[in-house]
N, C-alpha and C. Protein backbone atom coordinates (compact mmCIF):
# COMPACT_ATOMS: atom_id res chain seq x y z
N MET A 1 -25.09 -2.64 -8.41
CA MET A 1 -24.34 -1.93 -7.78
C MET A 1 -23.34 -2.17 -6.78
N LYS A 2 -21.82 -2.17 -6.78
CA LYS A 2 -21.26 -2.62 -5.66
C LYS A 2 -21.16 -1.66 -4.48
N LYS A 3 -21.22 -2.19 -3.17
CA LYS A 3 -21.53 -1.68 -2.09
C LYS A 3 -19.86 -0.70 -1.79
N GLU A 4 -20.05 0.42 -1.60
CA GLU A 4 -18.63 1.12 -1.28
C GLU A 4 -17.99 0.54 0.28
N SER A 5 -16.78 0.48 0.37
CA SER A 5 -16.08 -0.05 1.62
C SER A 5 -16.15 0.76 2.51
N PRO A 6 -16.46 0.69 4.07
CA PRO A 6 -16.60 1.74 5.14
C PRO A 6 -14.90 1.96 5.30
N ILE A 7 -13.91 1.11 4.62
CA ILE A 7 -12.68 1.51 5.02
C ILE A 7 -12.14 2.06 4.12
N GLN A 8 -11.42 3.34 4.14
CA GLN A 8 -10.56 4.16 3.30
C GLN A 8 -9.32 4.18 3.83
N VAL A 9 -8.62 3.86 2.48
CA VAL A 9 -6.89 4.15 2.81
C VAL A 9 -6.56 4.87 1.75
N VAL A 10 -5.67 5.70 2.06
CA VAL A 10 -4.76 6.55 1.59
C VAL A 10 -3.23 6.28 1.89
N VAL A 11 -2.72 6.36 0.71
CA VAL A 11 -1.03 5.96 0.56
C VAL A 11 -0.23 6.99 0.05
N GLU A 12 0.56 7.75 0.65
CA GLU A 12 1.23 8.69 0.06
C GLU A 12 2.81 8.15 -0.12
N PRO A 13 3.18 7.87 -1.31
CA PRO A 13 4.55 7.36 -1.47
C PRO A 13 5.74 8.52 -1.46
N VAL A 14 6.70 8.47 -0.85
CA VAL A 14 7.90 9.52 -0.99
C VAL A 14 8.82 8.78 -1.36
N PHE A 15 9.62 9.46 -2.60
CA PHE A 15 10.83 8.61 -2.99
C PHE A 15 12.01 9.15 -2.15
N LEU A 16 12.88 8.00 -1.98
CA LEU A 16 13.85 8.31 -0.88
C LEU A 16 15.28 8.16 -1.75
N GLU A 17 15.65 9.62 -2.14
CA GLU A 17 16.87 9.80 -2.99
C GLU A 17 18.09 9.05 -2.15
N ASP A 18 18.16 9.22 -0.73
CA ASP A 18 19.34 8.66 0.09
C ASP A 18 19.55 7.39 0.25
N GLN A 19 18.36 6.89 -0.09
CA GLN A 19 18.51 5.32 -0.27
C GLN A 19 18.57 4.58 -1.43
N SER A 20 18.45 5.20 -2.54
CA SER A 20 18.29 4.76 -3.73
C SER A 20 19.61 4.60 -4.49
N LEU A 21 19.90 3.68 -5.17
CA LEU A 21 21.07 3.59 -6.28
C LEU A 21 20.94 3.46 -7.56
N PRO A 22 20.40 4.46 -8.25
CA PRO A 22 20.13 4.56 -9.67
C PRO A 22 20.94 3.85 -10.66
N LEU A 23 22.30 3.91 -10.41
CA LEU A 23 23.58 3.35 -11.37
C LEU A 23 23.14 1.97 -11.03
N GLU A 24 22.64 1.20 -9.75
CA GLU A 24 22.39 -0.12 -9.50
C GLU A 24 21.10 -0.70 -9.93
N ASN A 25 20.29 0.24 -10.60
CA ASN A 25 18.81 0.01 -10.63
C ASN A 25 17.93 -0.24 -9.28
N HIS A 26 18.37 0.38 -8.16
CA HIS A 26 17.77 0.41 -6.95
C HIS A 26 16.93 1.32 -6.62
N TYR A 27 15.74 1.42 -6.31
CA TYR A 27 14.88 2.93 -6.44
C TYR A 27 13.82 2.58 -5.12
N VAL A 28 13.83 3.32 -3.98
CA VAL A 28 13.33 3.25 -2.90
C VAL A 28 12.24 4.31 -2.46
N TRP A 29 11.17 3.76 -2.05
CA TRP A 29 9.95 4.74 -1.50
C TRP A 29 9.59 4.31 -0.11
N ALA A 30 9.54 5.47 0.83
CA ALA A 30 8.77 5.33 1.87
C ALA A 30 7.19 5.44 1.62
N LEU A 31 6.26 4.55 2.22
CA LEU A 31 4.90 4.68 2.29
C LEU A 31 4.41 5.26 3.70
N GLN A 32 3.55 6.30 3.32
CA GLN A 32 2.87 6.90 4.54
C GLN A 32 1.24 6.28 4.36
N VAL A 33 0.76 5.56 4.99
CA VAL A 33 -0.37 4.90 4.79
C VAL A 33 -1.48 5.30 6.06
N TRP A 34 -2.48 5.64 5.61
CA TRP A 34 -3.55 5.99 6.70
C TRP A 34 -4.80 5.14 6.56
N ILE A 35 -5.53 4.17 7.43
CA ILE A 35 -6.46 3.51 7.20
C ILE A 35 -7.77 4.15 8.15
N GLU A 36 -8.70 4.48 7.55
CA GLU A 36 -9.87 5.19 8.15
C GLU A 36 -10.97 4.35 8.18
N ASN A 37 -11.81 4.00 9.48
CA ASN A 37 -12.78 3.20 9.54
C ASN A 37 -13.92 4.02 9.46
N GLN A 38 -14.95 4.04 8.53
CA GLN A 38 -15.56 5.18 8.43
C GLN A 38 -17.10 4.43 8.64
N GLY A 39 -16.95 3.20 9.13
CA GLY A 39 -18.12 2.45 9.14
C GLY A 39 -18.74 2.43 10.72
N ALA A 40 -19.63 1.56 11.07
CA ALA A 40 -20.35 1.51 12.38
C ALA A 40 -19.38 0.32 13.15
N GLU A 41 -18.77 -0.44 12.62
CA GLU A 41 -18.08 -1.50 13.58
C GLU A 41 -16.55 -1.58 13.87
N THR A 42 -16.10 -1.97 14.80
CA THR A 42 -14.63 -2.16 14.67
C THR A 42 -14.27 -3.06 13.97
N VAL A 43 -13.27 -2.80 13.49
CA VAL A 43 -12.58 -4.02 12.42
C VAL A 43 -11.21 -4.15 13.02
N GLN A 44 -10.65 -5.57 12.78
CA GLN A 44 -9.07 -5.76 12.61
C GLN A 44 -8.48 -6.06 11.17
N LEU A 45 -7.42 -5.30 11.12
CA LEU A 45 -6.62 -5.74 10.00
C LEU A 45 -5.88 -7.03 10.23
N LEU A 46 -5.70 -8.23 9.28
CA LEU A 46 -5.45 -9.48 9.74
C LEU A 46 -4.20 -9.65 8.87
N SER A 47 -4.26 -9.34 7.48
CA SER A 47 -3.11 -9.36 6.61
C SER A 47 -3.31 -8.65 5.40
N ARG A 48 -2.20 -8.41 4.64
CA ARG A 48 -2.01 -7.81 3.81
C ARG A 48 -1.16 -8.46 2.19
N LEU A 49 -1.67 -7.94 1.19
CA LEU A 49 -1.22 -8.51 0.10
C LEU A 49 -1.14 -7.28 -0.79
N TRP A 50 0.23 -6.80 -1.01
CA TRP A 50 0.77 -5.70 -2.02
C TRP A 50 1.43 -6.34 -3.56
N ARG A 51 1.05 -5.71 -4.56
CA ARG A 51 1.62 -5.80 -5.65
C ARG A 51 2.21 -4.72 -6.31
N MET A 52 3.55 -5.05 -6.80
CA MET A 52 4.35 -3.76 -7.11
C MET A 52 4.76 -4.00 -8.78
N THR A 53 4.35 -3.16 -9.87
CA THR A 53 5.04 -3.53 -10.92
C THR A 53 5.65 -2.32 -11.38
N ASP A 54 6.63 -2.59 -11.91
CA ASP A 54 7.80 -1.42 -12.25
C ASP A 54 7.42 -1.12 -13.92
N ARG A 55 8.03 0.08 -14.31
CA ARG A 55 7.81 0.48 -15.42
C ARG A 55 7.92 -0.59 -16.88
N ASN A 56 8.93 -1.73 -16.30
CA ASN A 56 9.35 -2.83 -17.33
C ASN A 56 8.29 -4.01 -17.50
N GLY A 57 7.26 -3.97 -16.42
CA GLY A 57 6.33 -4.99 -16.33
C GLY A 57 6.53 -5.82 -15.31
N LEU A 58 7.99 -5.97 -14.39
CA LEU A 58 8.32 -6.82 -13.54
C LEU A 58 7.25 -6.69 -12.45
N THR A 59 6.78 -7.83 -12.02
CA THR A 59 5.84 -7.51 -10.71
C THR A 59 6.33 -8.64 -9.87
N GLN A 60 6.25 -7.81 -8.25
CA GLN A 60 6.88 -8.26 -7.43
C GLN A 60 5.31 -8.34 -6.49
N GLU A 61 5.19 -9.39 -5.31
CA GLU A 61 3.94 -9.42 -4.55
C GLU A 61 4.74 -9.73 -3.05
N VAL A 62 3.91 -9.15 -2.18
CA VAL A 62 4.54 -8.80 -0.92
C VAL A 62 3.29 -9.71 0.05
N ASN A 63 3.03 -10.54 0.73
CA ASN A 63 1.95 -10.68 1.48
C ASN A 63 2.50 -11.13 3.03
N GLY A 64 1.45 -11.01 3.87
CA GLY A 64 1.68 -11.41 5.42
C GLY A 64 0.94 -10.99 6.36
N GLN A 65 1.25 -11.23 7.48
CA GLN A 65 0.29 -10.92 8.65
C GLN A 65 0.57 -9.41 8.95
N GLY A 66 -0.70 -8.73 9.28
CA GLY A 66 -0.92 -7.60 9.73
C GLY A 66 0.19 -6.58 8.96
N VAL A 67 0.38 -5.65 9.54
CA VAL A 67 1.26 -4.59 8.97
C VAL A 67 2.21 -3.98 10.00
N VAL A 68 3.52 -3.82 9.83
CA VAL A 68 4.51 -3.51 10.70
C VAL A 68 4.50 -3.94 11.91
N GLY A 69 4.26 -5.55 11.62
CA GLY A 69 4.31 -5.95 12.98
C GLY A 69 3.05 -6.03 13.71
N GLU A 70 2.15 -5.30 13.32
CA GLU A 70 0.74 -5.41 14.27
C GLU A 70 -0.40 -5.93 13.50
N LYS A 71 -1.45 -6.09 14.02
CA LYS A 71 -2.84 -6.48 13.71
C LYS A 71 -3.83 -5.65 14.11
N PRO A 72 -3.75 -4.41 13.92
CA PRO A 72 -4.49 -3.35 14.94
C PRO A 72 -6.03 -3.27 14.51
N TRP A 73 -6.48 -2.97 15.77
CA TRP A 73 -8.00 -2.83 15.68
C TRP A 73 -8.29 -1.49 15.48
N ILE A 74 -9.45 -1.33 14.72
CA ILE A 74 -9.57 0.09 14.24
C ILE A 74 -11.14 0.48 14.56
N ALA A 75 -11.36 1.46 15.31
CA ALA A 75 -12.73 1.37 15.83
C ALA A 75 -13.24 2.54 15.11
N PRO A 76 -14.78 2.41 15.16
CA PRO A 76 -15.55 3.31 14.10
C PRO A 76 -15.03 4.74 14.40
N GLY A 77 -14.76 5.66 13.15
CA GLY A 77 -14.42 7.02 13.24
C GLY A 77 -12.88 7.13 13.51
N ALA A 78 -12.23 5.94 13.73
CA ALA A 78 -10.61 5.90 14.04
C ALA A 78 -9.96 5.76 12.77
N MET A 79 -8.44 6.31 13.00
CA MET A 79 -7.97 5.99 11.66
C MET A 79 -6.51 5.55 12.43
N PHE A 80 -5.75 4.22 11.57
CA PHE A 80 -4.63 3.92 11.96
C PHE A 80 -3.59 4.19 10.83
N HIS A 81 -2.32 4.84 11.18
CA HIS A 81 -1.39 5.33 10.52
C HIS A 81 -0.16 4.51 10.68
N TYR A 82 0.55 3.90 9.63
CA TYR A 82 1.65 3.36 9.65
C TYR A 82 3.09 3.72 8.56
N THR A 83 4.03 3.64 8.63
CA THR A 83 5.03 4.04 7.60
C THR A 83 5.69 2.74 7.27
N SER A 84 5.72 2.32 6.12
CA SER A 84 6.04 1.27 5.23
C SER A 84 7.27 1.46 4.16
N GLY A 85 7.52 0.70 3.44
CA GLY A 85 8.51 0.89 2.27
C GLY A 85 8.52 0.16 1.12
N THR A 86 8.98 0.20 -0.08
CA THR A 86 9.22 -0.61 -1.06
C THR A 86 10.32 -0.21 -2.03
N SER A 87 10.51 -0.95 -2.92
CA SER A 87 11.63 -0.50 -3.70
C SER A 87 11.41 -1.23 -5.15
N LEU A 88 12.09 -0.76 -6.04
CA LEU A 88 11.81 -1.10 -7.54
C LEU A 88 12.91 -1.34 -8.06
N THR A 89 13.16 -2.16 -9.07
CA THR A 89 14.43 -1.88 -10.24
C THR A 89 14.27 -1.20 -11.46
N ALA A 90 13.31 -0.18 -11.21
CA ALA A 90 13.09 0.59 -12.42
C ALA A 90 12.86 2.11 -11.65
N PRO A 91 12.88 3.19 -12.26
CA PRO A 91 12.75 4.39 -11.58
C PRO A 91 11.13 4.71 -11.45
N SER A 92 10.16 3.60 -12.15
CA SER A 92 8.76 4.23 -11.72
C SER A 92 8.21 2.95 -11.84
N GLY A 93 6.88 2.90 -11.07
CA GLY A 93 5.83 1.88 -11.30
C GLY A 93 4.54 2.02 -10.77
N LEU A 94 3.66 1.30 -10.41
CA LEU A 94 2.57 1.16 -9.78
C LEU A 94 2.52 0.29 -8.56
N MET A 95 1.73 0.58 -7.57
CA MET A 95 1.48 -0.41 -6.56
C MET A 95 -0.11 -0.36 -6.11
N GLU A 96 -0.45 -1.45 -5.86
CA GLU A 96 -1.62 -1.77 -5.46
C GLU A 96 -1.68 -3.00 -4.14
N GLY A 97 -2.83 -3.06 -3.79
CA GLY A 97 -2.94 -4.07 -2.72
C GLY A 97 -4.45 -4.72 -1.96
N THR A 98 -4.13 -5.20 -1.14
CA THR A 98 -5.46 -5.76 -0.54
C THR A 98 -5.16 -5.91 0.86
N TYR A 99 -6.06 -5.35 1.88
CA TYR A 99 -6.13 -5.76 3.21
C TYR A 99 -7.05 -6.66 3.41
N HIS A 100 -6.81 -7.64 4.36
CA HIS A 100 -8.04 -8.66 4.69
C HIS A 100 -8.26 -8.49 5.99
N MET A 101 -9.37 -8.45 6.40
CA MET A 101 -9.93 -7.69 7.61
C MET A 101 -11.21 -8.49 8.11
N CYS A 102 -11.27 -8.21 9.51
CA CYS A 102 -12.37 -8.88 9.88
C CYS A 102 -13.25 -7.85 11.03
N THR A 103 -14.53 -8.15 11.14
CA THR A 103 -15.45 -7.35 12.31
C THR A 103 -14.99 -8.26 13.83
N GLN A 104 -15.34 -7.66 14.68
CA GLN A 104 -15.47 -8.12 16.14
C GLN A 104 -16.18 -9.60 16.34
N GLU A 105 -17.23 -9.80 15.33
CA GLU A 105 -17.82 -10.97 15.43
C GLU A 105 -17.41 -11.92 14.45
N GLY A 106 -16.20 -11.67 13.67
CA GLY A 106 -15.61 -12.43 12.93
C GLY A 106 -15.58 -12.80 11.43
N LYS A 107 -16.63 -11.82 11.14
CA LYS A 107 -17.10 -11.61 9.71
C LYS A 107 -15.88 -11.15 8.96
N LYS A 108 -15.17 -12.09 7.91
CA LYS A 108 -14.15 -11.42 7.24
C LYS A 108 -14.49 -10.79 5.81
N PHE A 109 -13.48 -9.80 5.58
CA PHE A 109 -14.02 -8.91 4.39
C PHE A 109 -12.67 -8.51 3.80
N ASP A 110 -12.40 -8.00 2.77
CA ASP A 110 -11.45 -7.44 1.99
C ASP A 110 -11.44 -5.99 1.51
N VAL A 111 -10.60 -5.29 1.76
CA VAL A 111 -10.62 -3.86 1.51
C VAL A 111 -9.53 -3.77 0.14
N THR A 112 -9.97 -3.22 -0.96
CA THR A 112 -9.11 -2.91 -2.00
C THR A 112 -8.22 -1.82 -1.90
N ILE A 113 -7.01 -1.66 -2.17
CA ILE A 113 -6.24 -0.42 -1.90
C ILE A 113 -5.91 -0.15 -3.42
N PRO A 114 -6.45 1.04 -3.91
CA PRO A 114 -6.36 1.42 -5.43
C PRO A 114 -5.06 1.74 -5.70
N ALA A 115 -4.56 1.27 -7.26
CA ALA A 115 -3.37 1.56 -7.75
C ALA A 115 -2.90 2.76 -7.49
N PHE A 116 -1.62 3.40 -7.20
CA PHE A 116 -0.92 4.37 -7.13
C PHE A 116 0.51 4.52 -7.79
N SER A 117 0.84 5.67 -8.12
CA SER A 117 2.06 5.82 -8.71
C SER A 117 3.46 5.74 -7.89
N LEU A 118 4.51 5.16 -8.43
CA LEU A 118 5.90 5.32 -7.65
C LEU A 118 6.60 5.78 -8.47
N ASP A 119 6.95 7.11 -8.37
CA ASP A 119 7.44 7.89 -9.31
C ASP A 119 9.04 8.55 -8.66
N SER A 120 10.08 8.77 -9.43
CA SER A 120 11.21 9.12 -9.28
C SER A 120 11.63 10.29 -10.20
N PRO A 121 12.66 11.19 -9.62
CA PRO A 121 13.18 12.07 -10.47
C PRO A 121 14.05 11.49 -11.53
N HIS A 122 14.33 10.19 -11.31
CA HIS A 122 15.12 9.41 -12.36
C HIS A 122 14.61 8.79 -13.58
N GLU A 123 13.09 9.02 -13.55
CA GLU A 123 12.35 8.56 -14.57
C GLU A 123 12.72 9.27 -16.11
N THR A 124 12.95 8.68 -16.95
CA THR A 124 13.35 9.57 -18.17
C THR A 124 12.39 9.12 -19.21
N ALA A 125 11.34 10.20 -20.00
CA ALA A 125 10.50 9.69 -20.88
C ALA A 125 11.16 9.86 -22.30
N SER A 126 11.06 9.20 -23.32
CA SER A 126 11.39 9.47 -24.78
C SER A 126 10.24 9.13 -25.40
N VAL A 127 10.02 10.17 -26.44
CA VAL A 127 8.91 9.69 -27.60
C VAL A 127 9.54 9.20 -29.03
N HIS A 128 9.53 8.39 -29.61
CA HIS A 128 10.10 7.74 -30.52
C HIS A 128 9.34 7.97 -32.03
């Protein structure tokens, strides 16, 4: 049985109509991200890996140190919130990721960010 992570991640994507250019296949979302430490140890977010796949199957990966220029420490019971963004060349897709973290004692571990939908009002579905 897989042990559940004490780190809970919630992502709320918001489509940004004013920054998107549908005629040029450019669709933009803001991402509100909350990371909550429900565990007993203080942890640090070291790096992240995001994977975005648009409805056409095109996949992009973004990885790097920390988030929004920070490597936050998150105490037990605390929450870290930040705003980021992403873009796709299609009006919809999926996004998922991993945070690489460590404890104060240096024990490293990964937190999986479950897939979530990136949807825009420009998505048109047809049944053939």
